[in-house]
Amino acid sequence: MIWDDWFWLVFGIIGFAITAVDLHQRRAAGPVLLDLGRRTYDYSNLVTLLLLMAFLYTRLRLHVDVWFPLFGIVGLGTCSITGLTRRRQIREAGLLGRGIRLIRWAQIESHEISPIGALSLKIRNKGWAFLCDLPPGRYSEVEAILANRQA
């Protein structure tokens, strides 16, 4: 039983830490210059949140000590909710796209927008990397902001 409590305590701390890093990264990135929308293909955070809620419900029905599992589930739940609200954005300090990583303007050597709207960046010392698919009709806005920032 003690191992089970430590397990949930560690998961809760990890969940709250990832949430704190994500929120700090968003604040440090500065104001939003252009919002490119949400990632439409990532359902892992929603599935994780639903599984955690189902597990907590079964623990409550069994009347087992729920404080450590509750802490773990709330920690991972906040992490999942933060992941569900993550958006692809062009910000003052750089680009937020995949995950919680901020790609700063100084790291971007060049960019390319394919005819189908795929935005790829040439990142200093790493080469080309796909960032996201752009919403239709936003190509010229993205091009103007990226060209202005790289100049």
N, C-alpha and C. Protein backbone atom coordinates (compact mmCIF):
# COMPACT_ATOMS: atom_id res chain seq x y z
N MET A 1 0.81 -1.20 0.00
CA MET A 1 0.00 0.00 0.00
C MET A 1 0.85 1.26 0.00
N ILE A 2 2.00 1.20 0.65
CA ILE A 2 2.87 2.38 0.69
C ILE A 2 3.40 2.69 -0.71
N TRP A 3 3.76 1.65 -1.48
CA TRP A 3 4.26 1.87 -2.84
C TRP A 3 3.18 2.55 -3.67
N ASP A 4 1.95 2.13 -3.49
CA ASP A 4 0.84 2.71 -4.23
C ASP A 4 0.70 4.20 -3.92
N ASP A 5 0.87 4.59 -2.67
CA ASP A 5 0.79 6.00 -2.30
C ASP A 5 1.91 6.81 -2.93
N TRP A 6 3.13 6.28 -2.91
CA TRP A 6 4.27 6.98 -3.53
C TRP A 6 4.08 7.10 -5.04
N PHE A 7 3.55 6.08 -5.64
CA PHE A 7 3.28 6.08 -7.07
C PHE A 7 2.39 7.26 -7.45
N TRP A 8 1.28 7.44 -6.73
CA TRP A 8 0.36 8.53 -7.03
C TRP A 8 0.93 9.89 -6.66
N LEU A 9 1.70 9.94 -5.59
CA LEU A 9 2.33 11.18 -5.20
C LEU A 9 3.30 11.67 -6.29
N VAL A 10 4.11 10.75 -6.82
CA VAL A 10 5.06 11.10 -7.89
C VAL A 10 4.31 11.53 -9.15
N PHE A 11 3.25 10.81 -9.52
CA PHE A 11 2.48 11.19 -10.70
C PHE A 11 1.84 12.57 -10.53
N GLY A 12 1.36 12.87 -9.34
CA GLY A 12 0.78 14.19 -9.10
C GLY A 12 1.81 15.29 -9.21
N ILE A 13 2.98 15.07 -8.64
CA ILE A 13 4.05 16.07 -8.72
C ILE A 13 4.48 16.28 -10.16
N ILE A 14 4.61 15.19 -10.92
CA ILE A 14 5.00 15.31 -12.34
C ILE A 14 3.92 16.09 -13.12
N GLY A 15 2.66 15.78 -12.88
CA GLY A 15 1.58 16.48 -13.57
C GLY A 15 1.57 17.97 -13.28
N PHE A 16 1.71 18.33 -11.99
CA PHE A 16 1.73 19.75 -11.64
C PHE A 16 2.98 20.44 -12.18
N ALA A 17 4.12 19.73 -12.22
CA ALA A 17 5.36 20.33 -12.75
C ALA A 17 5.24 20.60 -14.25
N ILE A 18 4.69 19.67 -15.00
CA ILE A 18 4.52 19.88 -16.44
C ILE A 18 3.56 21.04 -16.70
N THR A 19 2.50 21.13 -15.90
CA THR A 19 1.56 22.24 -16.03
C THR A 19 2.25 23.57 -15.75
N ALA A 20 3.06 23.62 -14.69
CA ALA A 20 3.76 24.86 -14.34
C ALA A 20 4.73 25.27 -15.44
N VAL A 21 5.46 24.31 -16.01
CA VAL A 21 6.40 24.62 -17.09
C VAL A 21 5.65 25.14 -18.31
N ASP A 22 4.54 24.50 -18.65
CA ASP A 22 3.75 24.92 -19.81
C ASP A 22 3.21 26.34 -19.63
N LEU A 23 2.64 26.62 -18.48
CA LEU A 23 2.10 27.96 -18.23
C LEU A 23 3.19 29.02 -18.19
N HIS A 24 4.35 28.68 -17.62
CA HIS A 24 5.48 29.62 -17.61
C HIS A 24 5.96 29.88 -19.04
N GLN A 25 6.02 28.84 -19.85
CA GLN A 25 6.47 29.00 -21.24
C GLN A 25 5.51 29.90 -22.01
N ARG A 26 4.21 29.75 -21.78
CA ARG A 26 3.24 30.62 -22.47
C ARG A 26 3.41 32.07 -22.04
N ARG A 27 3.62 32.29 -20.76
CA ARG A 27 3.78 33.67 -20.27
C ARG A 27 5.08 34.27 -20.79
N ALA A 28 6.16 33.49 -20.81
CA ALA A 28 7.46 33.99 -21.26
C ALA A 28 7.48 34.26 -22.76
N ALA A 29 6.57 33.65 -23.51
CA ALA A 29 6.56 33.82 -24.96
C ALA A 29 6.00 35.16 -25.39
N GLY A 30 5.42 35.91 -24.47
CA GLY A 30 4.92 37.23 -24.81
C GLY A 30 3.53 37.19 -25.42
N PRO A 31 3.06 38.36 -25.88
CA PRO A 31 1.71 38.44 -26.44
C PRO A 31 1.59 37.67 -27.77
N VAL A 32 0.38 37.26 -28.07
CA VAL A 32 0.09 36.50 -29.29
C VAL A 32 0.03 37.46 -30.48
N LEU A 33 0.81 37.17 -31.51
CA LEU A 33 0.75 37.94 -32.75
C LEU A 33 -0.27 37.35 -33.71
N LEU A 34 -0.34 36.02 -33.77
CA LEU A 34 -1.29 35.35 -34.65
C LEU A 34 -1.59 33.97 -34.08
N ASP A 35 -2.87 33.68 -33.91
CA ASP A 35 -3.30 32.38 -33.40
C ASP A 35 -3.64 31.49 -34.59
N LEU A 36 -2.99 30.33 -34.66
CA LEU A 36 -3.20 29.42 -35.78
C LEU A 36 -4.17 28.29 -35.43
N GLY A 37 -4.76 28.34 -34.27
CA GLY A 37 -5.77 27.35 -33.89
C GLY A 37 -5.19 26.22 -33.06
N ARG A 38 -6.07 25.29 -32.74
CA ARG A 38 -5.71 24.13 -31.92
C ARG A 38 -5.21 23.00 -32.78
N ARG A 39 -4.47 22.12 -32.15
CA ARG A 39 -4.08 20.90 -32.83
C ARG A 39 -5.29 19.99 -32.86
N THR A 40 -5.68 19.54 -34.02
CA THR A 40 -6.91 18.77 -34.16
C THR A 40 -6.68 17.27 -34.07
N TYR A 41 -5.46 16.81 -34.12
CA TYR A 41 -5.18 15.38 -34.23
C TYR A 41 -4.77 14.74 -32.91
N ASP A 42 -4.63 15.49 -31.84
CA ASP A 42 -4.09 14.95 -30.60
C ASP A 42 -5.20 14.74 -29.57
N TYR A 43 -5.59 13.47 -29.41
CA TYR A 43 -6.63 13.12 -28.45
C TYR A 43 -6.06 12.42 -27.22
N SER A 44 -4.75 12.32 -27.11
CA SER A 44 -4.14 11.59 -26.00
C SER A 44 -4.46 12.24 -24.65
N ASN A 45 -4.48 13.55 -24.59
CA ASN A 45 -4.79 14.22 -23.32
C ASN A 45 -6.22 13.96 -22.88
N LEU A 46 -7.15 13.96 -23.81
CA LEU A 46 -8.54 13.70 -23.46
C LEU A 46 -8.73 12.26 -22.99
N VAL A 47 -8.11 11.31 -23.67
CA VAL A 47 -8.21 9.91 -23.27
C VAL A 47 -7.59 9.71 -21.89
N THR A 48 -6.45 10.32 -21.64
CA THR A 48 -5.80 10.22 -20.32
C THR A 48 -6.71 10.76 -19.23
N LEU A 49 -7.32 11.90 -19.47
CA LEU A 49 -8.20 12.50 -18.48
C LEU A 49 -9.41 11.60 -18.20
N LEU A 50 -10.00 11.02 -19.22
CA LEU A 50 -11.15 10.14 -19.03
C LEU A 50 -10.77 8.86 -18.27
N LEU A 51 -9.60 8.29 -18.57
CA LEU A 51 -9.15 7.11 -17.85
C LEU A 51 -8.90 7.41 -16.38
N LEU A 52 -8.30 8.56 -16.10
CA LEU A 52 -8.05 8.94 -14.72
C LEU A 52 -9.35 9.14 -13.95
N MET A 53 -10.33 9.74 -14.59
CA MET A 53 -11.61 9.94 -13.92
C MET A 53 -12.30 8.60 -13.66
N ALA A 54 -12.20 7.67 -14.58
CA ALA A 54 -12.80 6.34 -14.38
C ALA A 54 -12.10 5.62 -13.23
N PHE A 55 -10.77 5.73 -13.15
CA PHE A 55 -10.05 5.09 -12.06
C PHE A 55 -10.45 5.69 -10.71
N LEU A 56 -10.55 6.99 -10.64
CA LEU A 56 -10.94 7.63 -9.38
C LEU A 56 -12.35 7.21 -8.97
N TYR A 57 -13.24 7.08 -9.93
CA TYR A 57 -14.60 6.65 -9.63
C TYR A 57 -14.60 5.25 -9.02
N THR A 58 -13.80 4.33 -9.59
CA THR A 58 -13.75 2.97 -9.03
C THR A 58 -13.15 2.98 -7.63
N ARG A 59 -12.16 3.83 -7.37
CA ARG A 59 -11.58 3.91 -6.02
C ARG A 59 -12.60 4.44 -5.03
N LEU A 60 -13.39 5.41 -5.43
CA LEU A 60 -14.40 5.97 -4.54
C LEU A 60 -15.51 4.96 -4.24
N ARG A 61 -15.86 4.16 -5.23
CA ARG A 61 -16.91 3.14 -5.02
C ARG A 61 -16.45 2.06 -4.07
N LEU A 62 -15.13 1.77 -4.06
CA LEU A 62 -14.60 0.75 -3.18
C LEU A 62 -14.32 1.29 -1.78
N HIS A 63 -14.48 2.58 -1.56
CA HIS A 63 -14.22 3.24 -0.28
C HIS A 63 -12.79 3.02 0.20
N VAL A 64 -11.87 3.03 -0.72
CA VAL A 64 -10.45 2.89 -0.39
C VAL A 64 -9.90 4.29 -0.10
N ASP A 65 -8.84 4.36 0.66
CA ASP A 65 -8.20 5.65 0.95
C ASP A 65 -7.85 6.31 -0.38
N VAL A 66 -8.41 7.48 -0.63
CA VAL A 66 -8.29 8.09 -1.95
C VAL A 66 -7.43 9.36 -1.99
N TRP A 67 -6.80 9.75 -0.91
CA TRP A 67 -6.11 11.04 -0.91
C TRP A 67 -4.91 11.06 -1.85
N PHE A 68 -4.08 10.04 -1.82
CA PHE A 68 -2.93 10.03 -2.73
C PHE A 68 -3.35 9.81 -4.18
N PRO A 69 -4.27 8.86 -4.47
CA PRO A 69 -4.74 8.78 -5.87
C PRO A 69 -5.42 10.06 -6.33
N LEU A 70 -6.14 10.72 -5.43
CA LEU A 70 -6.80 11.98 -5.80
C LEU A 70 -5.75 13.04 -6.16
N PHE A 71 -4.68 13.14 -5.37
CA PHE A 71 -3.61 14.09 -5.67
C PHE A 71 -2.99 13.77 -7.04
N GLY A 72 -2.70 12.49 -7.27
CA GLY A 72 -2.11 12.10 -8.56
C GLY A 72 -3.02 12.38 -9.73
N ILE A 73 -4.30 12.09 -9.55
CA ILE A 73 -5.24 12.29 -10.65
C ILE A 73 -5.48 13.77 -10.91
N VAL A 74 -5.55 14.57 -9.86
CA VAL A 74 -5.70 16.01 -10.07
C VAL A 74 -4.46 16.59 -10.75
N GLY A 75 -3.27 16.13 -10.35
CA GLY A 75 -2.03 16.59 -10.99
C GLY A 75 -1.99 16.23 -12.46
N LEU A 76 -2.27 14.97 -12.77
CA LEU A 76 -2.28 14.56 -14.18
C LEU A 76 -3.46 15.17 -14.93
N GLY A 77 -4.57 15.40 -14.23
CA GLY A 77 -5.72 16.04 -14.87
C GLY A 77 -5.42 17.47 -15.28
N THR A 78 -4.75 18.22 -14.40
CA THR A 78 -4.39 19.59 -14.78
C THR A 78 -3.42 19.59 -15.95
N CYS A 79 -2.53 18.61 -15.97
CA CYS A 79 -1.60 18.49 -17.10
C CYS A 79 -2.36 18.19 -18.39
N SER A 80 -3.35 17.31 -18.31
CA SER A 80 -4.15 16.97 -19.49
C SER A 80 -4.98 18.15 -19.96
N ILE A 81 -5.59 18.88 -19.04
CA ILE A 81 -6.39 20.04 -19.42
C ILE A 81 -5.51 21.12 -20.04
N THR A 82 -4.33 21.32 -19.48
CA THR A 82 -3.40 22.28 -20.07
C THR A 82 -3.01 21.85 -21.48
N GLY A 83 -2.80 20.55 -21.67
CA GLY A 83 -2.49 20.04 -23.00
C GLY A 83 -3.64 20.22 -23.98
N LEU A 84 -4.87 20.08 -23.49
CA LEU A 84 -6.03 20.25 -24.36
C LEU A 84 -6.22 21.70 -24.79
N THR A 85 -5.74 22.65 -23.99
CA THR A 85 -5.91 24.06 -24.33
C THR A 85 -4.71 24.63 -25.09
N ARG A 86 -3.71 23.81 -25.35
CA ARG A 86 -2.52 24.28 -26.06
C ARG A 86 -2.88 24.61 -27.51
N ARG A 87 -2.37 25.73 -27.98
CA ARG A 87 -2.66 26.19 -29.33
C ARG A 87 -1.36 26.46 -30.09
N ARG A 88 -1.46 26.45 -31.40
CA ARG A 88 -0.33 26.82 -32.25
C ARG A 88 -0.38 28.33 -32.42
N GLN A 89 0.68 29.01 -31.99
CA GLN A 89 0.64 30.47 -32.01
C GLN A 89 1.98 31.05 -32.42
N ILE A 90 1.89 32.20 -33.10
CA ILE A 90 3.06 33.02 -33.36
C ILE A 90 3.04 34.10 -32.29
N ARG A 91 4.09 34.14 -31.49
CA ARG A 91 4.12 35.07 -30.37
C ARG A 91 5.31 36.03 -30.50
N GLU A 92 5.35 36.98 -29.61
CA GLU A 92 6.39 38.01 -29.63
C GLU A 92 7.79 37.40 -29.52
N ALA A 93 7.95 36.37 -28.73
CA ALA A 93 9.27 35.77 -28.50
C ALA A 93 9.60 34.64 -29.48
N GLY A 94 8.62 34.14 -30.21
CA GLY A 94 8.87 33.03 -31.12
C GLY A 94 7.60 32.28 -31.46
N LEU A 95 7.75 31.00 -31.80
CA LEU A 95 6.63 30.18 -32.22
C LEU A 95 6.36 29.08 -31.20
N LEU A 96 5.09 28.93 -30.85
CA LEU A 96 4.65 27.80 -30.02
C LEU A 96 3.89 26.87 -30.95
N GLY A 97 4.35 25.65 -31.06
CA GLY A 97 3.68 24.72 -31.96
C GLY A 97 3.53 23.35 -31.37
N ARG A 98 4.56 22.55 -31.48
CA ARG A 98 4.50 21.17 -31.00
C ARG A 98 4.92 21.13 -29.54
N GLY A 99 4.10 20.51 -28.73
CA GLY A 99 4.44 20.37 -27.32
C GLY A 99 4.50 21.70 -26.60
N ILE A 100 5.35 21.79 -25.60
CA ILE A 100 5.47 23.04 -24.84
C ILE A 100 6.74 23.79 -25.22
N ARG A 101 7.38 23.37 -26.29
CA ARG A 101 8.63 23.98 -26.68
C ARG A 101 8.40 25.30 -27.42
N LEU A 102 9.12 26.32 -27.01
CA LEU A 102 9.09 27.61 -27.69
C LEU A 102 10.30 27.68 -28.61
N ILE A 103 10.05 27.95 -29.87
CA ILE A 103 11.15 28.15 -30.83
C ILE A 103 11.35 29.64 -30.95
N ARG A 104 12.45 30.13 -30.43
CA ARG A 104 12.72 31.57 -30.42
C ARG A 104 13.12 32.05 -31.82
N TRP A 105 12.89 33.34 -32.08
CA TRP A 105 13.18 33.91 -33.39
C TRP A 105 14.66 33.78 -33.74
N ALA A 106 15.54 33.89 -32.75
CA ALA A 106 16.98 33.79 -33.01
C ALA A 106 17.39 32.40 -33.49
N GLN A 107 16.60 31.38 -33.17
CA GLN A 107 16.92 30.01 -33.58
C GLN A 107 16.48 29.71 -35.01
N ILE A 108 15.60 30.53 -35.57
CA ILE A 108 15.03 30.25 -36.88
C ILE A 108 15.89 30.91 -37.95
N GLU A 109 16.48 30.09 -38.83
CA GLU A 109 17.28 30.62 -39.94
C GLU A 109 16.41 30.99 -41.13
N SER A 110 15.44 30.13 -41.45
CA SER A 110 14.52 30.41 -42.56
C SER A 110 13.26 29.58 -42.37
N HIS A 111 12.29 29.82 -43.24
CA HIS A 111 11.03 29.09 -43.16
C HIS A 111 10.55 28.80 -44.57
N GLU A 112 9.61 27.86 -44.65
CA GLU A 112 9.02 27.51 -45.94
C GLU A 112 7.58 27.10 -45.71
N ILE A 113 6.69 27.63 -46.55
CA ILE A 113 5.29 27.23 -46.51
C ILE A 113 5.00 26.50 -47.81
N SER A 114 4.64 25.23 -47.70
CA SER A 114 4.37 24.43 -48.89
C SER A 114 3.04 24.85 -49.52
N PRO A 115 2.79 24.45 -50.77
CA PRO A 115 1.51 24.80 -51.41
C PRO A 115 0.28 24.28 -50.66
N ILE A 116 0.44 23.21 -49.88
CA ILE A 116 -0.70 22.68 -49.13
C ILE A 116 -0.78 23.27 -47.72
N GLY A 117 0.13 24.18 -47.37
CA GLY A 117 0.05 24.89 -46.10
C GLY A 117 0.86 24.32 -44.97
N ALA A 118 1.83 23.48 -45.25
CA ALA A 118 2.68 22.93 -44.19
C ALA A 118 3.80 23.93 -43.91
N LEU A 119 3.92 24.35 -42.66
CA LEU A 119 4.96 25.30 -42.26
C LEU A 119 6.15 24.51 -41.73
N SER A 120 7.28 24.70 -42.37
CA SER A 120 8.53 24.07 -41.93
C SER A 120 9.54 25.16 -41.61
N LEU A 121 10.36 24.91 -40.61
CA LEU A 121 11.36 25.87 -40.17
C LEU A 121 12.74 25.26 -40.27
N LYS A 122 13.70 26.08 -40.68
CA LYS A 122 15.10 25.65 -40.61
C LYS A 122 15.65 26.22 -39.31
N ILE A 123 15.89 25.32 -38.36
CA ILE A 123 16.32 25.71 -37.03
C ILE A 123 17.83 25.60 -36.95
N ARG A 124 18.45 26.62 -36.39
CA ARG A 124 19.90 26.69 -36.28
C ARG A 124 20.45 25.43 -35.59
N ASN A 125 21.44 24.81 -36.19
CA ASN A 125 22.14 23.61 -35.70
C ASN A 125 21.27 22.36 -35.65
N LYS A 126 20.06 22.39 -36.23
CA LYS A 126 19.20 21.21 -36.21
C LYS A 126 18.64 20.85 -37.58
N GLY A 127 18.66 21.77 -38.52
CA GLY A 127 18.10 21.50 -39.84
C GLY A 127 16.62 21.81 -39.91
N TRP A 128 15.97 21.22 -40.91
CA TRP A 128 14.56 21.50 -41.17
C TRP A 128 13.67 20.68 -40.24
N ALA A 129 12.59 21.31 -39.78
CA ALA A 129 11.62 20.64 -38.92
C ALA A 129 10.22 21.12 -39.28
N PHE A 130 9.28 20.18 -39.38
CA PHE A 130 7.88 20.52 -39.62
C PHE A 130 7.30 21.10 -38.34
N LEU A 131 6.60 22.23 -38.45
CA LEU A 131 5.98 22.83 -37.26
C LEU A 131 4.49 22.52 -37.20
N CYS A 132 3.75 22.86 -38.26
CA CYS A 132 2.31 22.63 -38.23
C CYS A 132 1.72 22.84 -39.63
N ASP A 133 0.47 22.42 -39.77
CA ASP A 133 -0.32 22.73 -40.97
C ASP A 133 -1.06 24.02 -40.70
N LEU A 134 -0.94 24.96 -41.62
CA LEU A 134 -1.58 26.27 -41.45
C LEU A 134 -3.04 26.20 -41.86
N PRO A 135 -3.90 26.97 -41.19
CA PRO A 135 -5.30 27.04 -41.62
C PRO A 135 -5.39 27.67 -43.01
N PRO A 136 -6.30 27.20 -43.84
CA PRO A 136 -6.45 27.79 -45.18
C PRO A 136 -6.75 29.28 -45.08
N GLY A 137 -6.14 30.05 -45.96
CA GLY A 137 -6.38 31.48 -45.99
C GLY A 137 -5.48 32.30 -45.07
N ARG A 138 -4.65 31.66 -44.28
CA ARG A 138 -3.77 32.38 -43.35
C ARG A 138 -2.32 32.40 -43.82
N TYR A 139 -2.07 31.85 -45.00
CA TYR A 139 -0.68 31.73 -45.47
C TYR A 139 0.00 33.09 -45.60
N SER A 140 -0.69 34.07 -46.16
CA SER A 140 -0.06 35.38 -46.38
C SER A 140 0.22 36.09 -45.06
N GLU A 141 -0.69 35.97 -44.08
CA GLU A 141 -0.45 36.58 -42.77
C GLU A 141 0.77 35.98 -42.09
N VAL A 142 0.86 34.65 -42.13
CA VAL A 142 1.99 33.95 -41.52
C VAL A 142 3.28 34.34 -42.23
N GLU A 143 3.25 34.36 -43.55
CA GLU A 143 4.43 34.72 -44.34
C GLU A 143 4.91 36.13 -43.99
N ALA A 144 3.97 37.07 -43.86
CA ALA A 144 4.34 38.46 -43.56
C ALA A 144 4.99 38.57 -42.17
N ILE A 145 4.41 37.90 -41.18
CA ILE A 145 4.97 37.98 -39.83
C ILE A 145 6.34 37.32 -39.77
N LEU A 146 6.47 36.14 -40.38
CA LEU A 146 7.76 35.43 -40.35
C LEU A 146 8.83 36.21 -41.11
N ALA A 147 8.49 36.78 -42.25
CA ALA A 147 9.46 37.56 -43.02
C ALA A 147 9.89 38.80 -42.23
N ASN A 148 8.96 39.45 -41.55
CA ASN A 148 9.25 40.62 -40.76
C ASN A 148 10.16 40.28 -39.58
N ARG A 149 9.91 39.17 -38.92
CA ARG A 149 10.69 38.78 -37.74
C ARG A 149 12.09 38.30 -38.09
N GLN A 150 12.25 37.70 -39.24
CA GLN A 150 13.56 37.19 -39.62
C GLN A 150 14.45 38.25 -40.25
N ALA A 151 13.87 39.36 -40.66
CA ALA A 151 14.64 40.42 -41.31
C ALA A 151 15.54 41.17 -40.33
